[in-house]
Amino acid sequence: MLNALIMIVSAMIIILSLLQSGKSDGISGAFSGRGGLNLFANTKERGSEKIISNMTLVLGVVYFALIILVRIV
């Protein structure tokens, strides 16, 4: 039962991660040095982006808790 729940949560995390918009130039920007590395940029997510980001965070915490629960049980 828990293994099936873990698979469902992990599939949902993958789908939500793919739905998120890219926030960087990607690999080409990393190797060419364009745009710089701005780790502490103050970017605000709004609307559906914020909902998807929050859902991904919550599902990540649920996934972590399920893995711990499986190891205990």
C-alpha atoms as a PDB file:
ATOM      1  CA  MET A   1       0.000   0.000   0.000  1.00  0.00           C
ATOM      2  CA  LEU A   2       2.720   2.475   0.971  1.00  0.00           C
ATOM      3  CA  ASN A   3       4.822   1.537  -2.047  1.00  0.00           C
ATOM      4  CA  ALA A   4       1.929   2.370  -4.379  1.00  0.00           C
ATOM      5  CA  LEU A   5       1.437   5.701  -2.609  1.00  0.00           C
ATOM      6  CA  ILE A   6       5.151   6.479  -2.973  1.00  0.00           C
ATOM      7  CA  MET A   7       4.960   5.762  -6.712  1.00  0.00           C
ATOM      8  CA  ILE A   8       1.932   8.033  -7.124  1.00  0.00           C
ATOM      9  CA  VAL A   9       3.546  10.882  -5.168  1.00  0.00           C
ATOM     10  CA  SER A  10       6.810  10.549  -7.110  1.00  0.00           C
ATOM     11  CA  ALA A  11       4.949  10.630 -10.441  1.00  0.00           C
ATOM     12  CA  MET A  12       3.108  13.765  -9.328  1.00  0.00           C
ATOM     13  CA  ILE A  13       6.409  15.405  -8.307  1.00  0.00           C
ATOM     14  CA  ILE A  14       7.870  14.636 -11.738  1.00  0.00           C
ATOM     15  CA  ILE A  15       4.831  16.068 -13.529  1.00  0.00           C
ATOM     16  CA  LEU A  16       4.795  19.226 -11.395  1.00  0.00           C
ATOM     17  CA  SER A  17       8.535  19.702 -11.904  1.00  0.00           C
ATOM     18  CA  LEU A  18       8.090  19.510 -15.653  1.00  0.00           C
ATOM     19  CA  LEU A  19       5.253  22.044 -15.515  1.00  0.00           C
ATOM     20  CA  GLN A  20       7.415  24.651 -13.802  1.00  0.00           C
ATOM     21  CA  SER A  21       8.820  27.362 -16.027  1.00  0.00           C
ATOM     22  CA  GLY A  22      12.547  27.616 -16.478  1.00  0.00           C
ATOM     23  CA  LYS A  23      14.233  30.343 -14.439  1.00  0.00           C
ATOM     24  CA  SER A  24      17.649  30.305 -16.106  1.00  0.00           C
ATOM     25  CA  ASP A  25      19.352  30.120 -19.486  1.00  0.00           C
ATOM     26  CA  GLY A  26      19.851  26.400 -19.091  1.00  0.00           C
ATOM     27  CA  ILE A  27      23.007  24.450 -19.794  1.00  0.00           C
ATOM     28  CA  SER A  28      24.157  26.725 -22.602  1.00  0.00           C
ATOM     29  CA  GLY A  29      24.089  29.711 -20.252  1.00  0.00           C
ATOM     30  CA  ALA A  30      25.981  27.786 -17.596  1.00  0.00           C
ATOM     31  CA  PHE A  31      28.838  26.906 -19.934  1.00  0.00           C
ATOM     32  CA  SER A  32      29.036  30.167 -21.851  1.00  0.00           C
ATOM     33  CA  GLY A  33      28.764  32.353 -18.755  1.00  0.00           C
ATOM     34  CA  ARG A  34      25.963  34.486 -20.148  1.00  0.00           C
ATOM     35  CA  GLY A  35      23.644  36.072 -17.642  1.00  0.00           C
ATOM     36  CA  GLY A  36      25.803  35.307 -14.640  1.00  0.00           C
ATOM     37  CA  LEU A  37      24.951  33.122 -11.717  1.00  0.00           C
ATOM     38  CA  ASN A  38      22.342  34.924  -9.665  1.00  0.00           C
ATOM     39  CA  LEU A  39      21.382  32.493  -6.907  1.00  0.00           C
ATOM     40  CA  PHE A  40      19.848  35.121  -4.644  1.00  0.00           C
ATOM     41  CA  ALA A  41      17.703  36.920  -7.198  1.00  0.00           C
ATOM     42  CA  ASN A  42      14.453  38.201  -5.801  1.00  0.00           C
ATOM     43  CA  THR A  43      11.982  36.640  -8.208  1.00  0.00           C
ATOM     44  CA  LYS A  44       8.346  36.528  -7.221  1.00  0.00           C
ATOM     45  CA  GLU A  45       6.147  33.720  -8.431  1.00  0.00           C
ATOM     46  CA  ARG A  46       2.562  34.662  -9.109  1.00  0.00           C
ATOM     47  CA  GLY A  47      -0.628  32.818  -9.909  1.00  0.00           C
ATOM     48  CA  SER A  48      -0.312  29.293 -11.214  1.00  0.00           C
ATOM     49  CA  GLU A  49       3.499  29.300 -10.933  1.00  0.00           C
ATOM     50  CA  LYS A  50       3.242  29.856  -7.182  1.00  0.00           C
ATOM     51  CA  ILE A  51       0.612  27.129  -6.794  1.00  0.00           C
ATOM     52  CA  ILE A  52       2.697  24.616  -8.747  1.00  0.00           C
ATOM     53  CA  SER A  53       5.820  25.527  -6.783  1.00  0.00           C
ATOM     54  CA  ASN A  54       4.033  25.155  -3.442  1.00  0.00           C
ATOM     55  CA  MET A  55       2.466  21.847  -4.477  1.00  0.00           C
ATOM     56  CA  THR A  56       5.888  20.532  -5.504  1.00  0.00           C
ATOM     57  CA  LEU A  57       7.302  21.532  -2.125  1.00  0.00           C
ATOM     58  CA  VAL A  58       4.442  19.890  -0.208  1.00  0.00           C
ATOM     59  CA  LEU A  59       4.683  16.690  -2.252  1.00  0.00           C
ATOM     60  CA  GLY A  60       8.432  16.604  -1.661  1.00  0.00           C
ATOM     61  CA  VAL A  61       7.860  16.734   2.095  1.00  0.00           C
ATOM     62  CA  VAL A  62       5.154  14.045   1.829  1.00  0.00           C
ATOM     63  CA  TYR A  63       7.513  11.877  -0.240  1.00  0.00           C
ATOM     64  CA  PHE A  64      10.276  12.258   2.351  1.00  0.00           C
ATOM     65  CA  ALA A  65       7.865  11.346   5.171  1.00  0.00           C
ATOM     66  CA  LEU A  66       6.617   8.294   3.273  1.00  0.00           C
ATOM     67  CA  ILE A  67      10.152   7.046   2.692  1.00  0.00           C
ATOM     68  CA  ILE A  68      10.940   7.414   6.402  1.00  0.00           C
ATOM     69  CA  LEU A  69       7.661   5.635   7.261  1.00  0.00           C
ATOM     70  CA  VAL A  70       8.467   2.723   4.930  1.00  0.00           C
ATOM     71  CA  ARG A  71      11.903   2.297   6.501  1.00  0.00           C
ATOM     72  CA  ILE A  72      10.385   2.235  10.014  1.00  0.00           C
ATOM     73  CA  VAL A  73       7.557  -0.178   9.202  1.00  0.00           C
END
